[in-house]
mmCIF file of all heavy atoms, coordinates in Angstrom:
data_MODEL
# 
_entry.id   MODEL 
# 
loop_
_atom_site.group_PDB 
_atom_site.id 
_atom_site.type_symbol 
_atom_site.label_atom_id 
_atom_site.label_alt_id 
_atom_site.label_comp_id 
_atom_site.label_asym_id 
_atom_site.label_entity_id 
_atom_site.label_seq_id 
_atom_site.pdbx_PDB_ins_code 
_atom_site.Cartn_x 
_atom_site.Cartn_y 
_atom_site.Cartn_z 
_atom_site.occupancy 
_atom_site.B_iso_or_equiv 
_atom_site.pdbx_formal_charge 
_atom_site.auth_seq_id 
_atom_site.auth_comp_id 
_atom_site.auth_asym_id 
_atom_site.auth_atom_id 
_atom_site.pdbx_PDB_model_num 
ATOM 1   N N   . GLU A 1 1  ? 100.915 95.520 91.493  1.00 0.00 ? 1  GLU A N   1 
ATOM 2   C CA  . GLU A 1 1  ? 100.372 95.397 92.835  1.00 0.00 ? 1  GLU A CA  1 
ATOM 3   C C   . GLU A 1 1  ? 99.826  93.983 93.063  1.00 0.00 ? 1  GLU A C   1 
ATOM 4   O O   . GLU A 1 1  ? 98.759  93.810 93.643  1.00 0.00 ? 1  GLU A O   1 
ATOM 5   C CB  . GLU A 1 1  ? 99.251  96.429 93.048  1.00 0.00 ? 1  GLU A CB  1 
ATOM 6   C CG  . GLU A 1 1  ? 99.693  97.871 92.970  1.00 0.00 ? 1  GLU A CG  1 
ATOM 7   C CD  . GLU A 1 1  ? 100.459 98.311 94.214  1.00 0.00 ? 1  GLU A CD  1 
ATOM 8   O OE1 . GLU A 1 1  ? 100.397 97.591 95.223  1.00 0.00 ? 1  GLU A OE1 1 
ATOM 9   O OE2 . GLU A 1 1  ? 101.123 99.359 94.156  1.00 0.00 ? 1  GLU A OE2 1 
ATOM 10  N N   . ILE A 1 2  ? 100.551 92.960 92.597  1.00 0.00 ? 2  ILE A N   1 
ATOM 11  C CA  . ILE A 1 2  ? 100.097 91.597 92.816  1.00 0.00 ? 2  ILE A CA  1 
ATOM 12  C C   . ILE A 1 2  ? 100.496 91.132 94.210  1.00 0.00 ? 2  ILE A C   1 
ATOM 13  O O   . ILE A 1 2  ? 101.382 91.705 94.850  1.00 0.00 ? 2  ILE A O   1 
ATOM 14  C CB  . ILE A 1 2  ? 100.663 90.630 91.760  1.00 0.00 ? 2  ILE A CB  1 
ATOM 15  C CG1 . ILE A 1 2  ? 102.191 90.551 91.876  1.00 0.00 ? 2  ILE A CG1 1 
ATOM 16  C CG2 . ILE A 1 2  ? 100.239 91.040 90.357  1.00 0.00 ? 2  ILE A CG2 1 
ATOM 17  C CD1 . ILE A 1 2  ? 102.805 89.458 91.037  1.00 0.00 ? 2  ILE A CD1 1 
ATOM 18  N N   . PHE A 1 3  ? 99.832  90.069 94.692  1.00 0.00 ? 3  PHE A N   1 
ATOM 19  C CA  . PHE A 1 3  ? 100.165 89.474 95.980  1.00 0.00 ? 3  PHE A CA  1 
ATOM 20  C C   . PHE A 1 3  ? 101.175 88.356 95.719  1.00 0.00 ? 3  PHE A C   1 
ATOM 21  O O   . PHE A 1 3  ? 100.807 87.239 95.349  1.00 0.00 ? 3  PHE A O   1 
ATOM 22  C CB  . PHE A 1 3  ? 98.916  88.940 96.664  1.00 0.00 ? 3  PHE A CB  1 
ATOM 23  C CG  . PHE A 1 3  ? 97.877  89.998 96.924  1.00 0.00 ? 3  PHE A CG  1 
ATOM 24  C CD1 . PHE A 1 3  ? 96.675  89.991 96.241  1.00 0.00 ? 3  PHE A CD1 1 
ATOM 25  C CD2 . PHE A 1 3  ? 98.112  91.014 97.856  1.00 0.00 ? 3  PHE A CD2 1 
ATOM 26  C CE1 . PHE A 1 3  ? 95.714  90.967 96.480  1.00 0.00 ? 3  PHE A CE1 1 
ATOM 27  C CE2 . PHE A 1 3  ? 97.168  91.990 98.093  1.00 0.00 ? 3  PHE A CE2 1 
ATOM 28  C CZ  . PHE A 1 3  ? 95.968  91.968 97.409  1.00 0.00 ? 3  PHE A CZ  1 
ATOM 29  N N   . SER A 1 4  ? 102.441 88.666 95.908  1.00 0.00 ? 4  SER A N   1 
ATOM 30  C CA  . SER A 1 4  ? 103.502 87.742 95.501  1.00 0.00 ? 4  SER A CA  1 
ATOM 31  C C   . SER A 1 4  ? 103.535 86.468 96.328  1.00 0.00 ? 4  SER A C   1 
ATOM 32  O O   . SER A 1 4  ? 104.053 85.445 95.880  1.00 0.00 ? 4  SER A O   1 
ATOM 33  C CB  . SER A 1 4  ? 104.858 88.440 95.576  1.00 0.00 ? 4  SER A CB  1 
ATOM 34  O OG  . SER A 1 4  ? 105.118 88.893 96.890  1.00 0.00 ? 4  SER A OG  1 
ATOM 35  N N   . ASN A 1 5  ? 102.975 86.497 97.544  1.00 0.00 ? 5  ASN A N   1 
ATOM 36  C CA  . ASN A 1 5  ? 102.983 85.314 98.399  1.00 0.00 ? 5  ASN A CA  1 
ATOM 37  C C   . ASN A 1 5  ? 101.799 84.385 98.134  1.00 0.00 ? 5  ASN A C   1 
ATOM 38  O O   . ASN A 1 5  ? 101.677 83.336 98.770  1.00 0.00 ? 5  ASN A O   1 
ATOM 39  C CB  . ASN A 1 5  ? 102.995 85.731 99.870  1.00 0.00 ? 5  ASN A CB  1 
ATOM 40  C CG  . ASN A 1 5  ? 101.765 86.547 100.247 1.00 0.00 ? 5  ASN A CG  1 
ATOM 41  O OD1 . ASN A 1 5  ? 101.251 87.314 99.429  1.00 0.00 ? 5  ASN A OD1 1 
ATOM 42  N ND2 . ASN A 1 5  ? 101.293 86.404 101.471 1.00 0.00 ? 5  ASN A ND2 1 
ATOM 43  N N   . MET A 1 6  ? 100.919 84.758 97.202  1.00 0.00 ? 6  MET A N   1 
ATOM 44  C CA  . MET A 1 6  ? 99.770  83.937 96.841  1.00 0.00 ? 6  MET A CA  1 
ATOM 45  C C   . MET A 1 6  ? 100.000 83.254 95.503  1.00 0.00 ? 6  MET A C   1 
ATOM 46  O O   . MET A 1 6  ? 100.877 83.643 94.727  1.00 0.00 ? 6  MET A O   1 
ATOM 47  C CB  . MET A 1 6  ? 98.500  84.799 96.740  1.00 0.00 ? 6  MET A CB  1 
ATOM 48  C CG  . MET A 1 6  ? 98.004  85.393 98.030  1.00 0.00 ? 6  MET A CG  1 
ATOM 49  S SD  . MET A 1 6  ? 96.454  86.309 97.737  1.00 0.00 ? 6  MET A SD  1 
ATOM 50  C CE  . MET A 1 6  ? 96.059  86.848 99.396  1.00 0.00 ? 6  MET A CE  1 
ATOM 51  N N   . THR A 1 7  ? 99.178  82.251 95.219  1.00 0.00 ? 7  THR A N   1 
ATOM 52  C CA  . THR A 1 7  ? 99.224  81.634 93.897  1.00 0.00 ? 7  THR A CA  1 
ATOM 53  C C   . THR A 1 7  ? 98.551  82.542 92.882  1.00 0.00 ? 7  THR A C   1 
ATOM 54  O O   . THR A 1 7  ? 97.866  83.514 93.234  1.00 0.00 ? 7  THR A O   1 
ATOM 55  C CB  . THR A 1 7  ? 98.506  80.275 93.887  1.00 0.00 ? 7  THR A CB  1 
ATOM 56  O OG1 . THR A 1 7  ? 97.102  80.488 94.095  1.00 0.00 ? 7  THR A OG1 1 
ATOM 57  C CG2 . THR A 1 7  ? 99.054  79.343 94.958  1.00 0.00 ? 7  THR A CG2 1 
ATOM 58  N N   . VAL A 1 8  ? 98.737  82.210 91.621  1.00 0.00 ? 8  VAL A N   1 
ATOM 59  C CA  . VAL A 1 8  ? 98.082  82.948 90.539  1.00 0.00 ? 8  VAL A CA  1 
ATOM 60  C C   . VAL A 1 8  ? 96.568  82.925 90.731  1.00 0.00 ? 8  VAL A C   1 
ATOM 61  O O   . VAL A 1 8  ? 95.892  83.961 90.632  1.00 0.00 ? 8  VAL A O   1 
ATOM 62  C CB  . VAL A 1 8  ? 98.485  82.339 89.182  1.00 0.00 ? 8  VAL A CB  1 
ATOM 63  C CG1 . VAL A 1 8  ? 97.640  82.915 88.044  1.00 0.00 ? 8  VAL A CG1 1 
ATOM 64  C CG2 . VAL A 1 8  ? 99.970  82.580 88.912  1.00 0.00 ? 8  VAL A CG2 1 
ATOM 65  N N   . LEU A 1 9  ? 96.013  81.742 91.015  1.00 0.00 ? 9  LEU A N   1 
ATOM 66  C CA  . LEU A 1 9  ? 94.564  81.623 91.203  1.00 0.00 ? 9  LEU A CA  1 
ATOM 67  C C   . LEU A 1 9  ? 94.093  82.441 92.390  1.00 0.00 ? 9  LEU A C   1 
ATOM 68  O O   . LEU A 1 9  ? 93.073  83.150 92.303  1.00 0.00 ? 9  LEU A O   1 
ATOM 69  C CB  . LEU A 1 9  ? 94.185  80.156 91.393  1.00 0.00 ? 9  LEU A CB  1 
ATOM 70  C CG  . LEU A 1 9  ? 92.698  79.874 91.654  1.00 0.00 ? 9  LEU A CG  1 
ATOM 71  C CD1 . LEU A 1 9  ? 91.841  80.330 90.475  1.00 0.00 ? 9  LEU A CD1 1 
ATOM 72  C CD2 . LEU A 1 9  ? 92.476  78.391 91.949  1.00 0.00 ? 9  LEU A CD2 1 
ATOM 73  N N   . GLU A 1 10 ? 94.816  82.379 93.502  1.00 0.00 ? 10 GLU A N   1 
ATOM 74  C CA  . GLU A 1 10 ? 94.399  83.123 94.692  1.00 0.00 ? 10 GLU A CA  1 
ATOM 75  C C   . GLU A 1 10 ? 94.399  84.625 94.437  1.00 0.00 ? 10 GLU A C   1 
ATOM 76  O O   . GLU A 1 10 ? 93.531  85.346 94.947  1.00 0.00 ? 10 GLU A O   1 
ATOM 77  C CB  . GLU A 1 10 ? 95.327  82.777 95.862  1.00 0.00 ? 10 GLU A CB  1 
ATOM 78  C CG  . GLU A 1 10 ? 95.115  81.378 96.411  1.00 0.00 ? 10 GLU A CG  1 
ATOM 79  C CD  . GLU A 1 10 ? 96.226  80.937 97.359  1.00 0.00 ? 10 GLU A CD  1 
ATOM 80  O OE1 . GLU A 1 10 ? 97.316  81.565 97.340  1.00 0.00 ? 10 GLU A OE1 1 
ATOM 81  O OE2 . GLU A 1 10 ? 96.006  79.963 98.097  1.00 0.00 ? 10 GLU A OE2 1 
ATOM 82  N N   . ASN A 1 11 ? 95.356  85.122 93.646  1.00 0.00 ? 11 ASN A N   1 
ATOM 83  C CA  . ASN A 1 11 ? 95.363  86.532 93.297  1.00 0.00 ? 11 ASN A CA  1 
ATOM 84  C C   . ASN A 1 11 ? 94.073  86.933 92.598  1.00 0.00 ? 11 ASN A C   1 
ATOM 85  O O   . ASN A 1 11 ? 93.478  87.970 92.920  1.00 0.00 ? 11 ASN A O   1 
ATOM 86  C CB  . ASN A 1 11 ? 96.557  86.842 92.388  1.00 0.00 ? 11 ASN A CB  1 
ATOM 87  C CG  . ASN A 1 11 ? 97.764  87.348 93.135  1.00 0.00 ? 11 ASN A CG  1 
ATOM 88  O OD1 . ASN A 1 11 ? 97.941  88.549 93.316  1.00 0.00 ? 11 ASN A OD1 1 
ATOM 89  N ND2 . ASN A 1 11 ? 98.597  86.422 93.595  1.00 0.00 ? 11 ASN A ND2 1 
ATOM 90  N N   . VAL A 1 12 ? 93.648  86.141 91.635  1.00 0.00 ? 12 VAL A N   1 
ATOM 91  C CA  . VAL A 1 12 ? 92.447  86.487 90.883  1.00 0.00 ? 12 VAL A CA  1 
ATOM 92  C C   . VAL A 1 12 ? 91.200  86.308 91.736  1.00 0.00 ? 12 VAL A C   1 
ATOM 93  O O   . VAL A 1 12 ? 90.227  87.062 91.596  1.00 0.00 ? 12 VAL A O   1 
ATOM 94  C CB  . VAL A 1 12 ? 92.355  85.643 89.592  1.00 0.00 ? 12 VAL A CB  1 
ATOM 95  C CG1 . VAL A 1 12 ? 91.110  86.008 88.788  1.00 0.00 ? 12 VAL A CG1 1 
ATOM 96  C CG2 . VAL A 1 12 ? 93.605  85.873 88.734  1.00 0.00 ? 12 VAL A CG2 1 
ATOM 97  N N   . MET A 1 13 ? 91.230  85.346 92.649  1.00 0.00 ? 13 MET A N   1 
ATOM 98  C CA  . MET A 1 13 ? 90.086  85.147 93.543  1.00 0.00 ? 13 MET A CA  1 
ATOM 99  C C   . MET A 1 13 ? 89.833  86.370 94.403  1.00 0.00 ? 13 MET A C   1 
ATOM 100 O O   . MET A 1 13 ? 88.687  86.647 94.766  1.00 0.00 ? 13 MET A O   1 
ATOM 101 C CB  . MET A 1 13 ? 90.312  83.911 94.413  1.00 0.00 ? 13 MET A CB  1 
ATOM 102 C CG  . MET A 1 13 ? 90.179  82.593 93.662  1.00 0.00 ? 13 MET A CG  1 
ATOM 103 S SD  . MET A 1 13 ? 90.599  81.136 94.671  1.00 0.00 ? 13 MET A SD  1 
ATOM 104 C CE  . MET A 1 13 ? 89.241  81.142 95.856  1.00 0.00 ? 13 MET A CE  1 
ATOM 105 N N   . THR A 1 14 ? 90.884  87.138 94.726  1.00 0.00 ? 14 THR A N   1 
ATOM 106 C CA  . THR A 1 14 ? 90.670  88.350 95.523  1.00 0.00 ? 14 THR A CA  1 
ATOM 107 C C   . THR A 1 14 ? 89.803  89.358 94.773  1.00 0.00 ? 14 THR A C   1 
ATOM 108 O O   . THR A 1 14 ? 89.053  90.115 95.397  1.00 0.00 ? 14 THR A O   1 
ATOM 109 C CB  . THR A 1 14 ? 92.002  89.015 95.920  1.00 0.00 ? 14 THR A CB  1 
ATOM 110 O OG1 . THR A 1 14 ? 92.688  89.466 94.743  1.00 0.00 ? 14 THR A OG1 1 
ATOM 111 C CG2 . THR A 1 14 ? 92.885  88.067 96.699  1.00 0.00 ? 14 THR A CG2 1 
ATOM 112 N N   . GLY A 1 15 ? 89.910  89.355 93.448  1.00 0.00 ? 15 GLY A N   1 
ATOM 113 C CA  . GLY A 1 15 ? 89.043  90.223 92.654  1.00 0.00 ? 15 GLY A CA  1 
ATOM 114 C C   . GLY A 1 15 ? 87.589  89.792 92.723  1.00 0.00 ? 15 GLY A C   1 
ATOM 115 O O   . GLY A 1 15 ? 86.678  90.628 92.802  1.00 0.00 ? 15 GLY A O   1 
ATOM 116 N N   . CYS A 1 16 ? 87.365  88.474 92.727  1.00 0.00 ? 16 CYS A N   1 
ATOM 117 C CA  . CYS A 1 16 ? 85.996  87.955 92.827  1.00 0.00 ? 16 CYS A CA  1 
ATOM 118 C C   . CYS A 1 16 ? 85.388  88.239 94.193  1.00 0.00 ? 16 CYS A C   1 
ATOM 119 O O   . CYS A 1 16 ? 84.176  88.457 94.315  1.00 0.00 ? 16 CYS A O   1 
ATOM 120 C CB  . CYS A 1 16 ? 85.976  86.451 92.573  1.00 0.00 ? 16 CYS A CB  1 
ATOM 121 S SG  . CYS A 1 16 ? 86.534  85.934 90.942  1.00 0.00 ? 16 CYS A SG  1 
ATOM 122 N N   . HIS A 1 17 ? 86.209  88.218 95.235  1.00 0.00 ? 17 HIS A N   1 
ATOM 123 C CA  . HIS A 1 17 ? 85.696  88.427 96.595  1.00 0.00 ? 17 HIS A CA  1 
ATOM 124 C C   . HIS A 1 17 ? 85.025  89.785 96.746  1.00 0.00 ? 17 HIS A C   1 
ATOM 125 O O   . HIS A 1 17 ? 84.181  89.961 97.627  1.00 0.00 ? 17 HIS A O   1 
ATOM 126 C CB  . HIS A 1 17 ? 86.836  88.298 97.606  1.00 0.00 ? 17 HIS A CB  1 
ATOM 127 C CG  . HIS A 1 17 ? 87.101  86.897 98.046  1.00 0.00 ? 17 HIS A CG  1 
ATOM 128 N ND1 . HIS A 1 17 ? 86.237  86.197 98.856  1.00 0.00 ? 17 HIS A ND1 1 
ATOM 129 C CD2 . HIS A 1 17 ? 88.137  86.052 97.776  1.00 0.00 ? 17 HIS A CD2 1 
ATOM 130 C CE1 . HIS A 1 17 ? 86.722  84.991 99.097  1.00 0.00 ? 17 HIS A CE1 1 
ATOM 131 N NE2 . HIS A 1 17 ? 87.876  84.868 98.444  1.00 0.00 ? 17 HIS A NE2 1 
ATOM 132 N N   . ALA A 1 18 ? 85.405  90.747 95.898  1.00 0.00 ? 18 ALA A N   1 
ATOM 133 C CA  . ALA A 1 18 ? 84.775  92.060 95.984  1.00 0.00 ? 18 ALA A CA  1 
ATOM 134 C C   . ALA A 1 18 ? 83.295  91.987 95.623  1.00 0.00 ? 18 ALA A C   1 
ATOM 135 O O   . ALA A 1 18 ? 82.508  92.833 96.040  1.00 0.00 ? 18 ALA A O   1 
ATOM 136 C CB  . ALA A 1 18 ? 85.492  93.040 95.052  1.00 0.00 ? 18 ALA A CB  1 
ATOM 137 N N   . ARG A 1 19 ? 82.917  90.969 94.833  1.00 0.00 ? 19 ARG A N   1 
ATOM 138 C CA  . ARG A 1 19 ? 81.520  90.836 94.397  1.00 0.00 ? 19 ARG A CA  1 
ATOM 139 C C   . ARG A 1 19 ? 80.758  89.763 95.163  1.00 0.00 ? 19 ARG A C   1 
ATOM 140 O O   . ARG A 1 19 ? 79.582  89.919 95.465  1.00 0.00 ? 19 ARG A O   1 
ATOM 141 C CB  . ARG A 1 19 ? 81.467  90.475 92.911  1.00 0.00 ? 19 ARG A CB  1 
ATOM 142 C CG  . ARG A 1 19 ? 82.019  91.515 91.974  1.00 0.00 ? 19 ARG A CG  1 
ATOM 143 C CD  . ARG A 1 19 ? 81.873  91.064 90.534  1.00 0.00 ? 19 ARG A CD  1 
ATOM 144 N NE  . ARG A 1 19 ? 82.645  89.869 90.249  1.00 0.00 ? 19 ARG A NE  1 
ATOM 145 C CZ  . ARG A 1 19 ? 82.139  88.651 90.078  1.00 0.00 ? 19 ARG A CZ  1 
ATOM 146 N NH1 . ARG A 1 19 ? 80.856  88.464 90.155  1.00 0.00 ? 19 ARG A NH1 1 
ATOM 147 N NH2 . ARG A 1 19 ? 82.925  87.623 89.825  1.00 0.00 ? 19 ARG A NH2 1 
ATOM 148 N N   . LEU A 1 20 ? 81.422  88.649 95.436  1.00 0.00 ? 20 LEU A N   1 
ATOM 149 C CA  . LEU A 1 20 ? 80.765  87.503 96.067  1.00 0.00 ? 20 LEU A CA  1 
ATOM 150 C C   . LEU A 1 20 ? 81.202  87.425 97.520  1.00 0.00 ? 20 LEU A C   1 
ATOM 151 O O   . LEU A 1 20 ? 82.326  87.042 97.818  1.00 0.00 ? 20 LEU A O   1 
ATOM 152 C CB  . LEU A 1 20 ? 81.128  86.208 95.326  1.00 0.00 ? 20 LEU A CB  1 
ATOM 153 C CG  . LEU A 1 20 ? 80.763  86.175 93.843  1.00 0.00 ? 20 LEU A CG  1 
ATOM 154 C CD1 . LEU A 1 20 ? 81.269  84.904 93.198  1.00 0.00 ? 20 LEU A CD1 1 
ATOM 155 C CD2 . LEU A 1 20 ? 79.260  86.296 93.653  1.00 0.00 ? 20 LEU A CD2 1 
ATOM 156 N N   . ARG A 1 21 ? 80.318  87.792 98.411  1.00 0.00 ? 21 ARG A N   1 
ATOM 157 C CA  . ARG A 1 21 ? 80.680  87.863 99.822  1.00 0.00 ? 21 ARG A CA  1 
ATOM 158 C C   . ARG A 1 21 ? 79.827  86.899 100.634 1.00 0.00 ? 21 ARG A C   1 
ATOM 159 O O   . ARG A 1 21 ? 78.727  86.533 100.254 1.00 0.00 ? 21 ARG A O   1 
ATOM 160 C CB  . ARG A 1 21 ? 80.503  89.282 100.353 1.00 0.00 ? 21 ARG A CB  1 
ATOM 161 C CG  . ARG A 1 21 ? 81.400  90.308 99.667  1.00 0.00 ? 21 ARG A CG  1 
ATOM 162 C CD  . ARG A 1 21 ? 81.183  91.690 100.233 1.00 0.00 ? 21 ARG A CD  1 
ATOM 163 N NE  . ARG A 1 21 ? 82.037  92.669 99.581  1.00 0.00 ? 21 ARG A NE  1 
ATOM 164 C CZ  . ARG A 1 21 ? 82.016  93.960 99.852  1.00 0.00 ? 21 ARG A CZ  1 
ATOM 165 N NH1 . ARG A 1 21 ? 81.195  94.425 100.775 1.00 0.00 ? 21 ARG A NH1 1 
ATOM 166 N NH2 . ARG A 1 21 ? 82.821  94.792 99.229  1.00 0.00 ? 21 ARG A NH2 1 
ATOM 167 N N   . VAL A 1 22 ? 80.390  86.526 101.779 1.00 0.00 ? 22 VAL A N   1 
ATOM 168 C CA  . VAL A 1 22 ? 79.678  85.679 102.722 1.00 0.00 ? 22 VAL A CA  1 
ATOM 169 C C   . VAL A 1 22 ? 80.012  86.186 104.120 1.00 0.00 ? 22 VAL A C   1 
ATOM 170 O O   . VAL A 1 22 ? 81.084  86.768 104.341 1.00 0.00 ? 22 VAL A O   1 
ATOM 171 C CB  . VAL A 1 22 ? 80.088  84.193 102.541 1.00 0.00 ? 22 VAL A CB  1 
ATOM 172 C CG1 . VAL A 1 22 ? 81.538  83.982 102.932 1.00 0.00 ? 22 VAL A CG1 1 
ATOM 173 C CG2 . VAL A 1 22 ? 79.155  83.260 103.306 1.00 0.00 ? 22 VAL A CG2 1 
ATOM 174 N N   . ALA A 1 23 ? 79.096  86.006 105.050 1.00 0.00 ? 23 ALA A N   1 
ATOM 175 C CA  . ALA A 1 23 ? 79.323  86.478 106.407 1.00 0.00 ? 23 ALA A CA  1 
ATOM 176 C C   . ALA A 1 23 ? 80.581  85.845 106.995 1.00 0.00 ? 23 ALA A C   1 
ATOM 177 O O   . ALA A 1 23 ? 80.876  84.668 106.752 1.00 0.00 ? 23 ALA A O   1 
ATOM 178 C CB  . ALA A 1 23 ? 78.112  86.155 107.283 1.00 0.00 ? 23 ALA A CB  1 
ATOM 179 N N   . SER A 1 24 ? 81.309  86.635 107.787 1.00 0.00 ? 24 SER A N   1 
ATOM 180 C CA  . SER A 1 24 ? 82.584  86.147 108.334 1.00 0.00 ? 24 SER A CA  1 
ATOM 181 C C   . SER A 1 24 ? 82.395  84.917 109.202 1.00 0.00 ? 24 SER A C   1 
ATOM 182 O O   . SER A 1 24 ? 83.233  84.001 109.190 1.00 0.00 ? 24 SER A O   1 
ATOM 183 C CB  . SER A 1 24 ? 83.273  87.262 109.129 1.00 0.00 ? 24 SER A CB  1 
ATOM 184 O OG  . SER A 1 24 ? 82.425  87.736 110.165 1.00 0.00 ? 24 SER A OG  1 
ATOM 185 N N   . TRP A 1 25 ? 81.282  84.851 109.948 1.00 0.00 ? 25 TRP A N   1 
ATOM 186 C CA  . TRP A 1 25 ? 81.070  83.685 110.809 1.00 0.00 ? 25 TRP A CA  1 
ATOM 187 C C   . TRP A 1 25 ? 80.856  82.428 109.984 1.00 0.00 ? 25 TRP A C   1 
ATOM 188 O O   . TRP A 1 25 ? 81.273  81.327 110.388 1.00 0.00 ? 25 TRP A O   1 
ATOM 189 C CB  . TRP A 1 25 ? 79.888  83.916 111.755 1.00 0.00 ? 25 TRP A CB  1 
ATOM 190 C CG  . TRP A 1 25 ? 78.537  83.988 111.090 1.00 0.00 ? 25 TRP A CG  1 
ATOM 191 C CD1 . TRP A 1 25 ? 77.893  85.095 110.655 1.00 0.00 ? 25 TRP A CD1 1 
ATOM 192 C CD2 . TRP A 1 25 ? 77.671  82.885 110.809 1.00 0.00 ? 25 TRP A CD2 1 
ATOM 193 N NE1 . TRP A 1 25 ? 76.677  84.783 110.096 1.00 0.00 ? 25 TRP A NE1 1 
ATOM 194 C CE2 . TRP A 1 25 ? 76.503  83.420 110.188 1.00 0.00 ? 25 TRP A CE2 1 
ATOM 195 C CE3 . TRP A 1 25 ? 77.746  81.506 111.014 1.00 0.00 ? 25 TRP A CE3 1 
ATOM 196 C CZ2 . TRP A 1 25 ? 75.449  82.625 109.779 1.00 0.00 ? 25 TRP A CZ2 1 
ATOM 197 C CZ3 . TRP A 1 25 ? 76.684  80.705 110.607 1.00 0.00 ? 25 TRP A CZ3 1 
ATOM 198 C CH2 . TRP A 1 25 ? 75.549  81.262 109.991 1.00 0.00 ? 25 TRP A CH2 1 
ATOM 199 N N   . GLN A 1 26 ? 80.253  82.574 108.796 1.00 0.00 ? 26 GLN A N   1 
ATOM 200 C CA  . GLN A 1 26 ? 80.072  81.413 107.936 1.00 0.00 ? 26 GLN A CA  1 
ATOM 201 C C   . GLN A 1 26 ? 81.404  80.920 107.383 1.00 0.00 ? 26 GLN A C   1 
ATOM 202 O O   . GLN A 1 26 ? 81.627  79.711 107.260 1.00 0.00 ? 26 GLN A O   1 
ATOM 203 C CB  . GLN A 1 26 ? 79.117  81.753 106.791 1.00 0.00 ? 26 GLN A CB  1 
ATOM 204 C CG  . GLN A 1 26 ? 77.678  81.956 107.240 1.00 0.00 ? 26 GLN A CG  1 
ATOM 205 C CD  . GLN A 1 26 ? 76.750  82.222 106.074 1.00 0.00 ? 26 GLN A CD  1 
ATOM 206 O OE1 . GLN A 1 26 ? 77.088  82.961 105.158 1.00 0.00 ? 26 GLN A OE1 1 
ATOM 207 N NE2 . GLN A 1 26 ? 75.572  81.618 106.105 1.00 0.00 ? 26 GLN A NE2 1 
ATOM 208 N N   . SER A 1 27 ? 82.299  81.875 107.045 1.00 0.00 ? 27 SER A N   1 
ATOM 209 C CA  . SER A 1 27 ? 83.626  81.488 106.573 1.00 0.00 ? 27 SER A CA  1 
ATOM 210 C C   . SER A 1 27 ? 84.411  80.776 107.658 1.00 0.00 ? 27 SER A C   1 
ATOM 211 O O   . SER A 1 27 ? 85.092  79.774 107.412 1.00 0.00 ? 27 SER A O   1 
ATOM 212 C CB  . SER A 1 27 ? 84.408  82.735 106.112 1.00 0.00 ? 27 SER A CB  1 
ATOM 213 O OG  . SER A 1 27 ? 83.790  83.316 104.990 1.00 0.00 ? 27 SER A OG  1 
ATOM 214 N N   . LEU A 1 28 ? 84.314  81.281 108.901 1.00 0.00 ? 28 LEU A N   1 
ATOM 215 C CA  . LEU A 1 28 ? 85.046  80.667 110.010 1.00 0.00 ? 28 LEU A CA  1 
ATOM 216 C C   . LEU A 1 28 ? 84.556  79.251 110.280 1.00 0.00 ? 28 LEU A C   1 
ATOM 217 O O   . LEU A 1 28 ? 85.356  78.347 110.588 1.00 0.00 ? 28 LEU A O   1 
ATOM 218 C CB  . LEU A 1 28 ? 84.896  81.522 111.274 1.00 0.00 ? 28 LEU A CB  1 
ATOM 219 C CG  . LEU A 1 28 ? 85.660  82.849 111.291 1.00 0.00 ? 28 LEU A CG  1 
ATOM 220 C CD1 . LEU A 1 28 ? 85.254  83.686 112.492 1.00 0.00 ? 28 LEU A CD1 1 
ATOM 221 C CD2 . LEU A 1 28 ? 87.168  82.591 111.319 1.00 0.00 ? 28 LEU A CD2 1 
ATOM 222 N N   . LEU A 1 29 ? 83.248  79.050 110.170 1.00 0.00 ? 29 LEU A N   1 
ATOM 223 C CA  . LEU A 1 29 ? 82.662  77.735 110.460 1.00 0.00 ? 29 LEU A CA  1 
ATOM 224 C C   . LEU A 1 29 ? 82.611  76.836 109.228 1.00 0.00 ? 29 LEU A C   1 
ATOM 225 O O   . LEU A 1 29 ? 82.206  75.668 109.341 1.00 0.00 ? 29 LEU A O   1 
ATOM 226 C CB  . LEU A 1 29 ? 81.245  77.906 111.023 1.00 0.00 ? 29 LEU A CB  1 
ATOM 227 C CG  . LEU A 1 29 ? 81.145  78.635 112.373 1.00 0.00 ? 29 LEU A CG  1 
ATOM 228 C CD1 . LEU A 1 29 ? 79.697  78.814 112.782 1.00 0.00 ? 29 LEU A CD1 1 
ATOM 229 C CD2 . LEU A 1 29 ? 81.918  77.874 113.447 1.00 0.00 ? 29 LEU A CD2 1 
# 
């Protein structure tokens, strides 16, 4: 169930995002 359109690093970063979150408005800005 890997994300084939992402890089190897980006795939693993999705796992980290489950723990380290930031408000969506902060990401947009």
